[in-house]
Amino acid sequence: MIAAGFGFRGAATTKSLQSALNAATGRYAPDCIATIADKVTALQALSVATGLPVVSLTAADIATTQTQTRSAASLRARNTGSVAEAAALAAAGPNARLLAPRSISDDRMATCALAEGPDR
């Protein structure tokens, strides 16, 4: 399972999310998209456009997850260095690994990271 995790600002658009996804995917095809529960509604249009299911994560699912990158804003707001990386890891399942650090959308409003679970 490959999960695409997202972190994004409140003003991010579906175009922002698609841009971050495009920047992250490269040769990988995700099986789902994921983010923190209070932002999951913003992923619905991307889900429809891509045909990928949305995984909703709790704060506990991502808190204290070790990430490759560190954002001061993510640490303050979500207790993790990167919401995108932590969401990807949590959605991909136990013992998942990042395929690459987060990618940033062209407008810098969204980030996306991919993680692969051991069942792949």
C-alpha atoms as a PDB file:
ATOM      1  CA  MET A   1       0.000   0.000   0.000  1.00  0.00           C
ATOM      2  CA  ILE A   2       1.287   3.406  -0.945  1.00  0.00           C
ATOM      3  CA  ALA A   3      -0.332   6.301   0.890  1.00  0.00           C
ATOM      4  CA  ALA A   4      -0.136   9.951  -0.096  1.00  0.00           C
ATOM      5  CA  GLY A   5      -0.249  12.104   3.031  1.00  0.00           C
ATOM      6  CA  PHE A   6      -1.157  15.776   2.912  1.00  0.00           C
ATOM      7  CA  GLY A   7      -0.520  18.826   5.014  1.00  0.00           C
ATOM      8  CA  PHE A   8      -1.924  22.141   3.890  1.00  0.00           C
ATOM      9  CA  ARG A   9      -3.013  25.619   4.839  1.00  0.00           C
ATOM     10  CA  GLY A  10      -6.673  26.487   5.208  1.00  0.00           C
ATOM     11  CA  ALA A  11      -6.583  28.514   1.987  1.00  0.00           C
ATOM     12  CA  ALA A  12      -5.236  25.601  -0.097  1.00  0.00           C
ATOM     13  CA  THR A  13      -7.329  24.748  -3.130  1.00  0.00           C
ATOM     14  CA  THR A  14      -7.855  21.478  -4.951  1.00  0.00           C
ATOM     15  CA  LYS A  15      -5.336  22.817  -7.479  1.00  0.00           C
ATOM     16  CA  SER A  16      -2.822  23.244  -4.623  1.00  0.00           C
ATOM     17  CA  LEU A  17      -3.412  19.665  -3.460  1.00  0.00           C
ATOM     18  CA  GLN A  18      -3.143  18.286  -7.010  1.00  0.00           C
ATOM     19  CA  SER A  19       0.102  20.198  -7.532  1.00  0.00           C
ATOM     20  CA  ALA A  20       1.595  18.726  -4.342  1.00  0.00           C
ATOM     21  CA  LEU A  21       0.438  15.235  -5.348  1.00  0.00           C
ATOM     22  CA  ASN A  22       1.931  15.611  -8.829  1.00  0.00           C
ATOM     23  CA  ALA A  23       5.234  16.776  -7.343  1.00  0.00           C
ATOM     24  CA  ALA A  24       5.359  13.806  -4.949  1.00  0.00           C
ATOM     25  CA  THR A  25       4.266  10.883  -7.076  1.00  0.00           C
ATOM     26  CA  GLY A  26       6.941  10.571  -9.738  1.00  0.00           C
ATOM     27  CA  ARG A  27       7.082   6.848 -10.557  1.00  0.00           C
ATOM     28  CA  TYR A  28       4.790   5.849  -7.677  1.00  0.00           C
ATOM     29  CA  ALA A  29       1.011   5.461  -7.798  1.00  0.00           C
ATOM     30  CA  PRO A  30      -0.698   5.961  -4.437  1.00  0.00           C
ATOM     31  CA  ASP A  31      -3.536   3.720  -3.286  1.00  0.00           C
ATOM     32  CA  CYS A  32      -5.113   6.363  -1.033  1.00  0.00           C
ATOM     33  CA  ILE A  33      -4.824   9.967   0.120  1.00  0.00           C
ATOM     34  CA  ALA A  34      -4.739  10.906   3.792  1.00  0.00           C
ATOM     35  CA  THR A  35      -4.746  13.813   6.207  1.00  0.00           C
ATOM     36  CA  ILE A  36      -5.808  14.798   9.694  1.00  0.00           C
ATOM     37  CA  ALA A  37      -9.551  14.438  10.385  1.00  0.00           C
ATOM     38  CA  ASP A  38     -10.345  18.150  10.759  1.00  0.00           C
ATOM     39  CA  LYS A  39      -9.027  18.804   7.231  1.00  0.00           C
ATOM     40  CA  VAL A  40     -10.321  15.714   5.440  1.00  0.00           C
ATOM     41  CA  THR A  41     -13.239  17.548   3.798  1.00  0.00           C
ATOM     42  CA  ALA A  42     -10.761  19.550   1.726  1.00  0.00           C
ATOM     43  CA  LEU A  43      -9.500  16.304   0.145  1.00  0.00           C
ATOM     44  CA  GLN A  44     -12.917  15.235  -1.165  1.00  0.00           C
ATOM     45  CA  ALA A  45     -12.616  17.005  -4.530  1.00  0.00           C
ATOM     46  CA  LEU A  46      -9.127  15.534  -5.032  1.00  0.00           C
ATOM     47  CA  SER A  47     -10.527  12.113  -4.168  1.00  0.00           C
ATOM     48  CA  VAL A  48     -13.193  12.463  -6.833  1.00  0.00           C
ATOM     49  CA  ALA A  49     -10.668  13.732  -9.399  1.00  0.00           C
ATOM     50  CA  THR A  50      -8.168  10.936  -8.757  1.00  0.00           C
ATOM     51  CA  GLY A  51     -10.487   8.083  -7.785  1.00  0.00           C
ATOM     52  CA  LEU A  52      -8.440   7.547  -4.620  1.00  0.00           C
ATOM     53  CA  PRO A  53     -10.120   6.897  -1.268  1.00  0.00           C
ATOM     54  CA  VAL A  54      -9.546   9.316   1.597  1.00  0.00           C
ATOM     55  CA  VAL A  55      -8.106   8.117   4.909  1.00  0.00           C
ATOM     56  CA  SER A  56      -9.014  10.266   7.909  1.00  0.00           C
ATOM     57  CA  LEU A  57      -6.460  10.301  10.726  1.00  0.00           C
ATOM     58  CA  THR A  58      -6.714  11.451  14.317  1.00  0.00           C
ATOM     59  CA  ALA A  59      -4.260  13.741  16.051  1.00  0.00           C
ATOM     60  CA  ALA A  60      -2.999  10.704  17.973  1.00  0.00           C
ATOM     61  CA  ASP A  61      -2.332   8.873  14.688  1.00  0.00           C
ATOM     62  CA  ILE A  62       0.268  11.448  13.654  1.00  0.00           C
ATOM     63  CA  ALA A  63       1.498  12.988  16.904  1.00  0.00           C
ATOM     64  CA  THR A  64       5.160  12.356  17.652  1.00  0.00           C
ATOM     65  CA  THR A  65       5.683  10.514  14.357  1.00  0.00           C
ATOM     66  CA  GLN A  66       9.317  10.859  13.322  1.00  0.00           C
ATOM     67  CA  THR A  67       9.557  12.650   9.980  1.00  0.00           C
ATOM     68  CA  GLN A  68      12.419  13.459   7.623  1.00  0.00           C
ATOM     69  CA  THR A  69      11.556  17.149   7.491  1.00  0.00           C
ATOM     70  CA  ARG A  70      10.601  19.536  10.269  1.00  0.00           C
ATOM     71  CA  SER A  71       8.287  22.508  10.071  1.00  0.00           C
ATOM     72  CA  ALA A  72       8.017  24.762  13.103  1.00  0.00           C
ATOM     73  CA  ALA A  73       4.356  25.380  12.232  1.00  0.00           C
ATOM     74  CA  SER A  74       3.621  21.624  12.094  1.00  0.00           C
ATOM     75  CA  LEU A  75       5.409  21.061  15.389  1.00  0.00           C
ATOM     76  CA  ARG A  76       3.368  23.792  17.086  1.00  0.00           C
ATOM     77  CA  ALA A  77       0.018  22.847  15.579  1.00  0.00           C
ATOM     78  CA  ARG A  78       0.227  19.048  15.283  1.00  0.00           C
ATOM     79  CA  ASN A  79       3.199  17.874  17.371  1.00  0.00           C
ATOM     80  CA  THR A  80       4.961  16.391  14.339  1.00  0.00           C
ATOM     81  CA  GLY A  81       7.631  17.736  12.003  1.00  0.00           C
ATOM     82  CA  SER A  82       5.533  17.253   8.867  1.00  0.00           C
ATOM     83  CA  VAL A  83       1.818  16.559   8.718  1.00  0.00           C
ATOM     84  CA  ALA A  84       2.196  15.233   5.159  1.00  0.00           C
ATOM     85  CA  GLU A  85       4.934  12.760   6.084  1.00  0.00           C
ATOM     86  CA  ALA A  86       3.243  11.687   9.326  1.00  0.00           C
ATOM     87  CA  ALA A  87      -0.110  11.221   7.554  1.00  0.00           C
ATOM     88  CA  ALA A  88       1.491   9.137   4.807  1.00  0.00           C
ATOM     89  CA  LEU A  89       3.257   6.923   7.346  1.00  0.00           C
ATOM     90  CA  ALA A  90       0.147   6.456   9.488  1.00  0.00           C
ATOM     91  CA  ALA A  91      -2.109   5.687   6.519  1.00  0.00           C
ATOM     92  CA  ALA A  92       0.371   3.189   5.022  1.00  0.00           C
ATOM     93  CA  GLY A  93       0.297   1.139   8.214  1.00  0.00           C
ATOM     94  CA  PRO A  94       2.704  -0.237  10.791  1.00  0.00           C
ATOM     95  CA  ASN A  95       6.365  -0.317   9.766  1.00  0.00           C
ATOM     96  CA  ALA A  96       5.730   1.935   6.762  1.00  0.00           C
ATOM     97  CA  ARG A  97       8.625   3.875   5.270  1.00  0.00           C
ATOM     98  CA  LEU A  98       8.733   7.184   3.454  1.00  0.00           C
ATOM     99  CA  LEU A  99       9.490   6.911  -0.234  1.00  0.00           C
ATOM    100  CA  ALA A 100      10.688  10.523  -0.256  1.00  0.00           C
ATOM    101  CA  PRO A 101      10.348  13.619   1.920  1.00  0.00           C
ATOM    102  CA  ARG A 102       7.373  15.901   1.381  1.00  0.00           C
ATOM    103  CA  SER A 103       6.923  17.779  -1.859  1.00  0.00           C
ATOM    104  CA  ILE A 104       5.509  21.292  -1.948  1.00  0.00           C
ATOM    105  CA  SER A 105       2.793  22.583  -4.268  1.00  0.00           C
ATOM    106  CA  ASP A 106       3.620  25.295  -6.793  1.00  0.00           C
ATOM    107  CA  ASP A 107       1.745  27.869  -4.711  1.00  0.00           C
ATOM    108  CA  ARG A 108       3.376  26.628  -1.447  1.00  0.00           C
ATOM    109  CA  MET A 109      -0.043  26.051   0.144  1.00  0.00           C
ATOM    110  CA  ALA A 110       0.121  22.237   0.347  1.00  0.00           C
ATOM    111  CA  THR A 111       2.613  19.453   0.893  1.00  0.00           C
ATOM    112  CA  CYS A 112       2.402  15.789  -0.005  1.00  0.00           C
ATOM    113  CA  ALA A 113       4.550  12.818   0.973  1.00  0.00           C
ATOM    114  CA  LEU A 114       4.377   9.163  -0.013  1.00  0.00           C
ATOM    115  CA  ALA A 115       4.875   6.210   2.284  1.00  0.00           C
ATOM    116  CA  GLU A 116       4.863   2.528   1.505  1.00  0.00           C
ATOM    117  CA  GLY A 117       3.484  -0.056   3.892  1.00  0.00           C
ATOM    118  CA  PRO A 118       5.006  -3.505   4.311  1.00  0.00           C
ATOM    119  CA  ASP A 119       2.105  -5.251   2.553  1.00  0.00           C
ATOM    120  CA  ARG A 120       3.140  -3.883  -0.875  1.00  0.00           C
END
